[in-house]
């Protein structure tokens, strides 16, 4: 099974602020790993370093044994990693189906505007939209979708490149309990098919119910890691969440 992610002593500063310091942890192939921590702990920065949105000052990221920390985001996607963003990046002037095809590997923009949508990409996009219950909205402009539907579209679009590892940035953010249960079920189904997940999330009910491993960050560093039960009993974790918090 592939999808093994290794983060080694990542460092990133913004001016005089050390946002991530010696960040080190692993995501086992086939697992669901949650990355949590108080606001300002460095989670999003670490997420952006892993996915190539930001470049680390030092440290390494390896995926299935290959260094990827020097690659650009689209190159990392080609290696088998897809991600979502906390704020939707869908193109609102396009239809739901077109937003899906833009995420297709190698092609995307070129085929979309010059040659229409290739049949195999249309078929895959429709299968994924059906998976998340959006197939009926394939020809709808994305601007007309509800917030929850845009979240589902983000999730489905991340699957277009046939990733082996999916990074989800706060999938539960702003969604109602019914939709959250749907998202959890989709994650579990895909994980059962062998897809690895790394999830940044504040919803502790989701984290503790779905994760095999939890990595806790505080002040830019990894504070603790382990299974959900152990993390919930960790005094340092409790202090980080219940103490004065992070800036």
C-alpha atoms as a PDB file:
ATOM      1  CA  UNK A   1       0.000   0.000   0.000  1.00  0.00           C
ATOM      2  CA  UNK A   2       1.362   3.460  -0.936  1.00  0.00           C
ATOM      3  CA  UNK A   3       0.720   6.862   0.573  1.00  0.00           C
ATOM      4  CA  UNK A   4       3.442   7.080   3.225  1.00  0.00           C
ATOM      5  CA  UNK A   5       4.257  10.712   4.079  1.00  0.00           C
ATOM      6  CA  UNK A   6       7.311  11.750   6.119  1.00  0.00           C
ATOM      7  CA  UNK A   7       7.851  15.280   7.440  1.00  0.00           C
ATOM      8  CA  UNK A   8      11.364  15.905   8.772  1.00  0.00           C
ATOM      9  CA  UNK A   9      12.398  18.987  10.793  1.00  0.00           C
ATOM     10  CA  UNK A  10      10.464  21.518   8.739  1.00  0.00           C
ATOM     11  CA  UNK A  11      11.130  25.153   9.544  1.00  0.00           C
ATOM     12  CA  UNK A  12       9.415  28.281   8.274  1.00  0.00           C
ATOM     13  CA  UNK A  13       9.720  31.885   9.424  1.00  0.00           C
ATOM     14  CA  UNK A  14       7.819  34.984   8.383  1.00  0.00           C
ATOM     15  CA  UNK A  15       9.972  37.953   9.251  1.00  0.00           C
ATOM     16  CA  UNK A  16      10.938  37.433  12.870  1.00  0.00           C
ATOM     17  CA  UNK A  17       8.113  34.991  13.589  1.00  0.00           C
ATOM     18  CA  UNK A  18       8.919  31.271  13.640  1.00  0.00           C
ATOM     19  CA  UNK A  19       5.677  29.789  12.343  1.00  0.00           C
ATOM     20  CA  UNK A  20       6.930  26.187  12.121  1.00  0.00           C
ATOM     21  CA  UNK A  21       9.920  24.895  14.062  1.00  0.00           C
ATOM     22  CA  UNK A  22      11.524  21.483  13.612  1.00  0.00           C
ATOM     23  CA  UNK A  23       8.169  19.963  12.680  1.00  0.00           C
ATOM     24  CA  UNK A  24       8.535  16.192  12.389  1.00  0.00           C
ATOM     25  CA  UNK A  25       5.878  13.499  12.045  1.00  0.00           C
ATOM     26  CA  UNK A  26       4.746  10.692   9.747  1.00  0.00           C
ATOM     27  CA  UNK A  27       1.481   9.726   8.090  1.00  0.00           C
ATOM     28  CA  UNK A  28       1.242   5.977   7.648  1.00  0.00           C
ATOM     29  CA  UNK A  29       0.042   4.622   4.327  1.00  0.00           C
ATOM     30  CA  UNK A  30      -3.647   3.801   4.435  1.00  0.00           C
ATOM     31  CA  UNK A  31      -4.259   5.742   7.635  1.00  0.00           C
ATOM     32  CA  UNK A  32      -6.402   8.714   8.616  1.00  0.00           C
ATOM     33  CA  UNK A  33      -4.177  11.156  10.491  1.00  0.00           C
ATOM     34  CA  UNK A  34      -5.426  14.385  12.054  1.00  0.00           C
ATOM     35  CA  UNK A  35      -3.272  17.476  12.549  1.00  0.00           C
ATOM     36  CA  UNK A  36      -4.713  19.581  15.366  1.00  0.00           C
ATOM     37  CA  UNK A  37      -3.755  22.428  17.674  1.00  0.00           C
ATOM     38  CA  UNK A  38      -4.947  25.793  18.994  1.00  0.00           C
ATOM     39  CA  UNK A  39      -5.267  28.775  16.673  1.00  0.00           C
ATOM     40  CA  UNK A  40      -1.831  29.987  15.656  1.00  0.00           C
ATOM     41  CA  UNK A  41      -0.177  26.636  16.327  1.00  0.00           C
ATOM     42  CA  UNK A  42       1.289  26.370  12.816  1.00  0.00           C
ATOM     43  CA  UNK A  43      -1.041  23.749  11.354  1.00  0.00           C
ATOM     44  CA  UNK A  44      -1.974  25.635   8.203  1.00  0.00           C
ATOM     45  CA  UNK A  45       1.617  26.670   7.577  1.00  0.00           C
ATOM     46  CA  UNK A  46       2.734  23.050   7.898  1.00  0.00           C
ATOM     47  CA  UNK A  47      -0.080  22.013   5.556  1.00  0.00           C
ATOM     48  CA  UNK A  48       1.037  24.598   3.006  1.00  0.00           C
ATOM     49  CA  UNK A  49       4.663  23.485   3.255  1.00  0.00           C
ATOM     50  CA  UNK A  50       3.704  19.857   2.638  1.00  0.00           C
ATOM     51  CA  UNK A  51       1.536  20.695  -0.380  1.00  0.00           C
ATOM     52  CA  UNK A  52       4.068  23.088  -1.928  1.00  0.00           C
ATOM     53  CA  UNK A  53       2.042  26.273  -1.474  1.00  0.00           C
ATOM     54  CA  UNK A  54       4.931  27.544   0.679  1.00  0.00           C
ATOM     55  CA  UNK A  55       8.616  26.653   0.537  1.00  0.00           C
ATOM     56  CA  UNK A  56      10.321  25.596   3.762  1.00  0.00           C
ATOM     57  CA  UNK A  57      13.386  27.400   5.057  1.00  0.00           C
ATOM     58  CA  UNK A  58      14.802  23.975   5.887  1.00  0.00           C
ATOM     59  CA  UNK A  59      13.696  20.382   6.368  1.00  0.00           C
ATOM     60  CA  UNK A  60      12.360  17.674   4.089  1.00  0.00           C
ATOM     61  CA  UNK A  61       9.062  16.167   2.971  1.00  0.00           C
ATOM     62  CA  UNK A  62       9.086  12.665   1.501  1.00  0.00           C
ATOM     63  CA  UNK A  63       6.211  10.832  -0.128  1.00  0.00           C
ATOM     64  CA  UNK A  64       6.672   7.125  -0.716  1.00  0.00           C
ATOM     65  CA  UNK A  65      10.398   7.660  -0.340  1.00  0.00           C
ATOM     66  CA  UNK A  66      10.689  10.546  -2.829  1.00  0.00           C
ATOM     67  CA  UNK A  67      11.607  14.078  -1.795  1.00  0.00           C
ATOM     68  CA  UNK A  68       8.806  16.471  -2.742  1.00  0.00           C
ATOM     69  CA  UNK A  69       9.593  19.611  -0.719  1.00  0.00           C
ATOM     70  CA  UNK A  70      11.288  21.301  -3.694  1.00  0.00           C
ATOM     71  CA  UNK A  71       8.399  20.614  -6.066  1.00  0.00           C
ATOM     72  CA  UNK A  72       5.672  23.014  -7.127  1.00  0.00           C
ATOM     73  CA  UNK A  73       2.059  22.301  -6.092  1.00  0.00           C
ATOM     74  CA  UNK A  74       1.042  20.824  -9.468  1.00  0.00           C
ATOM     75  CA  UNK A  75       4.104  18.583  -9.433  1.00  0.00           C
ATOM     76  CA  UNK A  76       3.191  17.351  -5.965  1.00  0.00           C
ATOM     77  CA  UNK A  77      -0.302  16.615  -7.253  1.00  0.00           C
ATOM     78  CA  UNK A  78       1.246  14.515 -10.017  1.00  0.00           C
ATOM     79  CA  UNK A  79       3.103  12.539  -7.340  1.00  0.00           C
ATOM     80  CA  UNK A  80      -0.248  11.479  -5.882  1.00  0.00           C
ATOM     81  CA  UNK A  81      -1.216  14.117  -3.305  1.00  0.00           C
ATOM     82  CA  UNK A  82      -4.360  16.261  -3.570  1.00  0.00           C
ATOM     83  CA  UNK A  83      -5.618  18.857  -1.114  1.00  0.00           C
ATOM     84  CA  UNK A  84      -8.569  21.071  -0.324  1.00  0.00           C
ATOM     85  CA  UNK A  85      -8.480  24.582   1.132  1.00  0.00           C
ATOM     86  CA  UNK A  86     -10.364  26.004   4.068  1.00  0.00           C
ATOM     87  CA  UNK A  87     -11.868  28.623   1.750  1.00  0.00           C
ATOM     88  CA  UNK A  88     -13.237  27.216  -1.507  1.00  0.00           C
ATOM     89  CA  UNK A  89     -11.159  27.929  -4.609  1.00  0.00           C
ATOM     90  CA  UNK A  90     -13.814  26.882  -7.088  1.00  0.00           C
ATOM     91  CA  UNK A  91     -14.212  29.056 -10.198  1.00  0.00           C
ATOM     92  CA  UNK A  92     -17.687  30.506  -9.877  1.00  0.00           C
ATOM     93  CA  UNK A  93     -18.141  31.423 -13.539  1.00  0.00           C
ATOM     94  CA  UNK A  94     -17.750  27.768 -14.513  1.00  0.00           C
ATOM     95  CA  UNK A  95     -20.153  24.892 -14.111  1.00  0.00           C
ATOM     96  CA  UNK A  96     -19.742  22.200 -11.513  1.00  0.00           C
ATOM     97  CA  UNK A  97     -18.567  19.759 -14.210  1.00  0.00           C
ATOM     98  CA  UNK A  98     -16.034  22.231 -15.601  1.00  0.00           C
ATOM     99  CA  UNK A  99     -14.636  22.814 -12.109  1.00  0.00           C
ATOM    100  CA  UNK A 100     -14.112  19.089 -11.816  1.00  0.00           C
ATOM    101  CA  UNK A 101     -12.318  18.765 -15.154  1.00  0.00           C
ATOM    102  CA  UNK A 102      -9.943  21.627 -14.338  1.00  0.00           C
ATOM    103  CA  UNK A 103      -8.584  19.361 -11.594  1.00  0.00           C
ATOM    104  CA  UNK A 104      -7.891  16.487 -14.004  1.00  0.00           C
ATOM    105  CA  UNK A 105      -4.223  15.421 -14.230  1.00  0.00           C
ATOM    106  CA  UNK A 106      -2.021  16.852 -17.009  1.00  0.00           C
ATOM    107  CA  UNK A 107      -4.906  18.293 -19.005  1.00  0.00           C
ATOM    108  CA  UNK A 108      -7.395  20.550 -17.252  1.00  0.00           C
ATOM    109  CA  UNK A 109      -7.240  24.052 -18.741  1.00  0.00           C
ATOM    110  CA  UNK A 110      -5.827  23.078 -22.148  1.00  0.00           C
ATOM    111  CA  UNK A 111      -8.452  20.464 -22.951  1.00  0.00           C
ATOM    112  CA  UNK A 112     -11.274  22.376 -21.347  1.00  0.00           C
ATOM    113  CA  UNK A 113     -10.933  25.446 -23.533  1.00  0.00           C
ATOM    114  CA  UNK A 114      -9.468  24.073 -26.757  1.00  0.00           C
ATOM    115  CA  UNK A 115     -11.044  20.703 -27.289  1.00  0.00           C
ATOM    116  CA  UNK A 116     -13.993  20.479 -24.946  1.00  0.00           C
ATOM    117  CA  UNK A 117     -14.121  17.884 -22.195  1.00  0.00           C
ATOM    118  CA  UNK A 118     -12.523  14.547 -23.089  1.00  0.00           C
ATOM    119  CA  UNK A 119     -15.027  11.684 -22.657  1.00  0.00           C
ATOM    120  CA  UNK A 120     -12.948   9.813 -20.080  1.00  0.00           C
ATOM    121  CA  UNK A 121     -12.613  12.927 -17.930  1.00  0.00           C
ATOM    122  CA  UNK A 122     -16.320  13.657 -18.191  1.00  0.00           C
ATOM    123  CA  UNK A 123     -17.080  10.099 -17.127  1.00  0.00           C
ATOM    124  CA  UNK A 124     -14.757  10.230 -14.131  1.00  0.00           C
ATOM    125  CA  UNK A 125     -16.070  13.653 -13.099  1.00  0.00           C
ATOM    126  CA  UNK A 126     -19.659  12.447 -13.251  1.00  0.00           C
ATOM    127  CA  UNK A 127     -18.822   9.327 -11.244  1.00  0.00           C
ATOM    128  CA  UNK A 128     -17.231  11.442  -8.520  1.00  0.00           C
ATOM    129  CA  UNK A 129     -20.087  13.950  -8.521  1.00  0.00           C
ATOM    130  CA  UNK A 130     -22.483  11.045  -8.134  1.00  0.00           C
ATOM    131  CA  UNK A 131     -20.355   9.747  -5.254  1.00  0.00           C
ATOM    132  CA  UNK A 132     -20.925  12.999  -3.313  1.00  0.00           C
ATOM    133  CA  UNK A 133     -24.508  13.497  -4.483  1.00  0.00           C
ATOM    134  CA  UNK A 134     -23.902  16.406  -6.864  1.00  0.00           C
ATOM    135  CA  UNK A 135     -24.384  14.731 -10.253  1.00  0.00           C
ATOM    136  CA  UNK A 136     -27.734  16.467 -10.763  1.00  0.00           C
ATOM    137  CA  UNK A 137     -25.940  19.831 -10.496  1.00  0.00           C
ATOM    138  CA  UNK A 138     -23.212  19.072 -13.053  1.00  0.00           C
ATOM    139  CA  UNK A 139     -24.310  21.841 -15.429  1.00  0.00           C
ATOM    140  CA  UNK A 140     -25.086  24.390 -12.707  1.00  0.00           C
ATOM    141  CA  UNK A 141     -22.817  27.396 -12.333  1.00  0.00           C
ATOM    142  CA  UNK A 142     -20.773  27.002  -9.179  1.00  0.00           C
ATOM    143  CA  UNK A 143     -21.828  30.444  -7.935  1.00  0.00           C
ATOM    144  CA  UNK A 144     -25.339  29.047  -7.428  1.00  0.00           C
ATOM    145  CA  UNK A 145     -24.265  26.288  -5.055  1.00  0.00           C
ATOM    146  CA  UNK A 146     -24.852  26.449  -1.320  1.00  0.00           C
ATOM    147  CA  UNK A 147     -21.884  26.598   1.040  1.00  0.00           C
ATOM    148  CA  UNK A 148     -22.238  22.911   1.827  1.00  0.00           C
ATOM    149  CA  UNK A 149     -22.456  21.961  -1.836  1.00  0.00           C
ATOM    150  CA  UNK A 150     -19.267  23.920  -2.546  1.00  0.00           C
ATOM    151  CA  UNK A 151     -17.555  21.956   0.224  1.00  0.00           C
ATOM    152  CA  UNK A 152     -18.642  18.716  -1.427  1.00  0.00           C
ATOM    153  CA  UNK A 153     -17.453  19.964  -4.821  1.00  0.00           C
ATOM    154  CA  UNK A 154     -14.041  20.782  -3.336  1.00  0.00           C
ATOM    155  CA  UNK A 155     -13.878  17.271  -1.939  1.00  0.00           C
ATOM    156  CA  UNK A 156     -14.916  15.624  -5.212  1.00  0.00           C
ATOM    157  CA  UNK A 157     -12.535  17.789  -7.282  1.00  0.00           C
ATOM    158  CA  UNK A 158      -9.614  16.688  -5.112  1.00  0.00           C
ATOM    159  CA  UNK A 159     -10.303  13.128  -6.276  1.00  0.00           C
ATOM    160  CA  UNK A 160      -9.983  13.900 -10.001  1.00  0.00           C
ATOM    161  CA  UNK A 161      -6.216  13.386 -10.016  1.00  0.00           C
ATOM    162  CA  UNK A 162      -6.655   9.887  -8.533  1.00  0.00           C
ATOM    163  CA  UNK A 163      -4.611  10.733  -5.416  1.00  0.00           C
ATOM    164  CA  UNK A 164      -3.076   8.232  -3.041  1.00  0.00           C
ATOM    165  CA  UNK A 165      -3.084  10.812  -0.248  1.00  0.00           C
ATOM    166  CA  UNK A 166      -5.697  13.523   0.310  1.00  0.00           C
ATOM    167  CA  UNK A 167      -5.062  16.536   2.535  1.00  0.00           C
ATOM    168  CA  UNK A 168      -8.279  18.080   3.856  1.00  0.00           C
ATOM    169  CA  UNK A 169      -8.192  21.571   5.379  1.00  0.00           C
ATOM    170  CA  UNK A 170     -11.041  21.816   7.911  1.00  0.00           C
ATOM    171  CA  UNK A 171     -13.631  19.701   6.050  1.00  0.00           C
ATOM    172  CA  UNK A 172     -16.102  20.211   8.924  1.00  0.00           C
ATOM    173  CA  UNK A 173     -15.757  23.996   8.948  1.00  0.00           C
ATOM    174  CA  UNK A 174     -19.151  25.689   8.700  1.00  0.00           C
ATOM    175  CA  UNK A 175     -21.120  22.596   7.688  1.00  0.00           C
ATOM    176  CA  UNK A 176     -24.265  21.350   9.411  1.00  0.00           C
ATOM    177  CA  UNK A 177     -24.302  18.048  11.343  1.00  0.00           C
ATOM    178  CA  UNK A 178     -26.089  16.128   8.570  1.00  0.00           C
ATOM    179  CA  UNK A 179     -23.545  17.159   5.937  1.00  0.00           C
ATOM    180  CA  UNK A 180     -20.711  16.444   8.342  1.00  0.00           C
ATOM    181  CA  UNK A 181     -21.931  12.869   8.685  1.00  0.00           C
ATOM    182  CA  UNK A 182     -21.948  12.572   4.891  1.00  0.00           C
ATOM    183  CA  UNK A 183     -18.387  13.863   4.640  1.00  0.00           C
ATOM    184  CA  UNK A 184     -17.241  11.443   7.339  1.00  0.00           C
ATOM    185  CA  UNK A 185     -18.846   8.551   5.454  1.00  0.00           C
ATOM    186  CA  UNK A 186     -17.085   9.575   2.224  1.00  0.00           C
ATOM    187  CA  UNK A 187     -13.735   9.738   3.996  1.00  0.00           C
ATOM    188  CA  UNK A 188     -14.252   6.295   5.507  1.00  0.00           C
ATOM    189  CA  UNK A 189     -15.302   4.747   2.193  1.00  0.00           C
ATOM    190  CA  UNK A 190     -12.275   6.148   0.380  1.00  0.00           C
ATOM    191  CA  UNK A 191      -9.964   5.132   3.206  1.00  0.00           C
ATOM    192  CA  UNK A 192     -11.303   1.579   2.973  1.00  0.00           C
ATOM    193  CA  UNK A 193     -10.269   1.678  -0.689  1.00  0.00           C
ATOM    194  CA  UNK A 194      -6.695   2.446   0.381  1.00  0.00           C
ATOM    195  CA  UNK A 195      -6.535   6.244   0.183  1.00  0.00           C
ATOM    196  CA  UNK A 196      -4.500   7.911   2.929  1.00  0.00           C
ATOM    197  CA  UNK A 197      -5.802  11.060   4.648  1.00  0.00           C
ATOM    198  CA  UNK A 198      -4.148  13.953   6.481  1.00  0.00           C
ATOM    199  CA  UNK A 199      -6.767  16.247   7.980  1.00  0.00           C
ATOM    200  CA  UNK A 200      -6.441  19.646   9.653  1.00  0.00           C
ATOM    201  CA  UNK A 201      -9.533  20.044  11.792  1.00  0.00           C
ATOM    202  CA  UNK A 202     -10.908  21.869  14.846  1.00  0.00           C
ATOM    203  CA  UNK A 203     -13.949  19.622  15.272  1.00  0.00           C
ATOM    204  CA  UNK A 204     -12.763  17.256  17.982  1.00  0.00           C
ATOM    205  CA  UNK A 205     -15.735  14.923  17.601  1.00  0.00           C
ATOM    206  CA  UNK A 206     -14.696  14.289  13.995  1.00  0.00           C
ATOM    207  CA  UNK A 207     -11.010  13.983  14.892  1.00  0.00           C
ATOM    208  CA  UNK A 208     -11.502  11.518  17.702  1.00  0.00           C
ATOM    209  CA  UNK A 209     -14.070   9.393  15.875  1.00  0.00           C
ATOM    210  CA  UNK A 210     -12.310   9.001  12.542  1.00  0.00           C
ATOM    211  CA  UNK A 211      -8.556   9.268  13.125  1.00  0.00           C
ATOM    212  CA  UNK A 212      -6.104   6.445  13.618  1.00  0.00           C
ATOM    213  CA  UNK A 213      -3.423   8.910  14.687  1.00  0.00           C
ATOM    214  CA  UNK A 214      -3.520  12.483  15.982  1.00  0.00           C
ATOM    215  CA  UNK A 215      -0.609  14.936  15.717  1.00  0.00           C
ATOM    216  CA  UNK A 216      -0.848  17.977  17.995  1.00  0.00           C
ATOM    217  CA  UNK A 217       0.999  21.211  17.191  1.00  0.00           C
ATOM    218  CA  UNK A 218       1.627  24.159  19.513  1.00  0.00           C
ATOM    219  CA  UNK A 219       3.827  27.208  18.948  1.00  0.00           C
ATOM    220  CA  UNK A 220       4.964  25.798  15.605  1.00  0.00           C
ATOM    221  CA  UNK A 221       6.205  22.510  17.055  1.00  0.00           C
ATOM    222  CA  UNK A 222       4.817  18.997  17.381  1.00  0.00           C
ATOM    223  CA  UNK A 223       3.656  18.801  20.978  1.00  0.00           C
ATOM    224  CA  UNK A 224       2.371  15.223  21.007  1.00  0.00           C
ATOM    225  CA  UNK A 225       1.261  12.410  18.728  1.00  0.00           C
ATOM    226  CA  UNK A 226      -0.521   9.114  19.203  1.00  0.00           C
ATOM    227  CA  UNK A 227      -3.902   7.435  19.009  1.00  0.00           C
ATOM    228  CA  UNK A 228      -6.988   9.530  19.897  1.00  0.00           C
ATOM    229  CA  UNK A 229      -7.425   7.990  23.350  1.00  0.00           C
ATOM    230  CA  UNK A 230      -3.856   8.752  24.365  1.00  0.00           C
ATOM    231  CA  UNK A 231      -4.040  12.300  23.022  1.00  0.00           C
ATOM    232  CA  UNK A 232      -7.210  13.019  25.000  1.00  0.00           C
ATOM    233  CA  UNK A 233      -5.408  12.059  28.221  1.00  0.00           C
ATOM    234  CA  UNK A 234      -2.182  13.951  27.488  1.00  0.00           C
ATOM    235  CA  UNK A 235      -1.688  16.738  30.085  1.00  0.00           C
ATOM    236  CA  UNK A 236       0.381  18.887  27.701  1.00  0.00           C
ATOM    237  CA  UNK A 237      -2.371  18.746  25.083  1.00  0.00           C
ATOM    238  CA  UNK A 238      -5.013  19.673  27.640  1.00  0.00           C
ATOM    239  CA  UNK A 239      -2.886  22.607  28.759  1.00  0.00           C
ATOM    240  CA  UNK A 240      -2.406  23.810  25.176  1.00  0.00           C
ATOM    241  CA  UNK A 241      -6.169  23.834  24.581  1.00  0.00           C
ATOM    242  CA  UNK A 242      -7.407  24.870  28.015  1.00  0.00           C
ATOM    243  CA  UNK A 243      -4.569  27.151  29.108  1.00  0.00           C
ATOM    244  CA  UNK A 244      -3.915  30.629  27.823  1.00  0.00           C
ATOM    245  CA  UNK A 245      -3.768  29.395  24.196  1.00  0.00           C
ATOM    246  CA  UNK A 246      -1.646  30.533  21.303  1.00  0.00           C
ATOM    247  CA  UNK A 247      -1.235  33.885  19.677  1.00  0.00           C
END
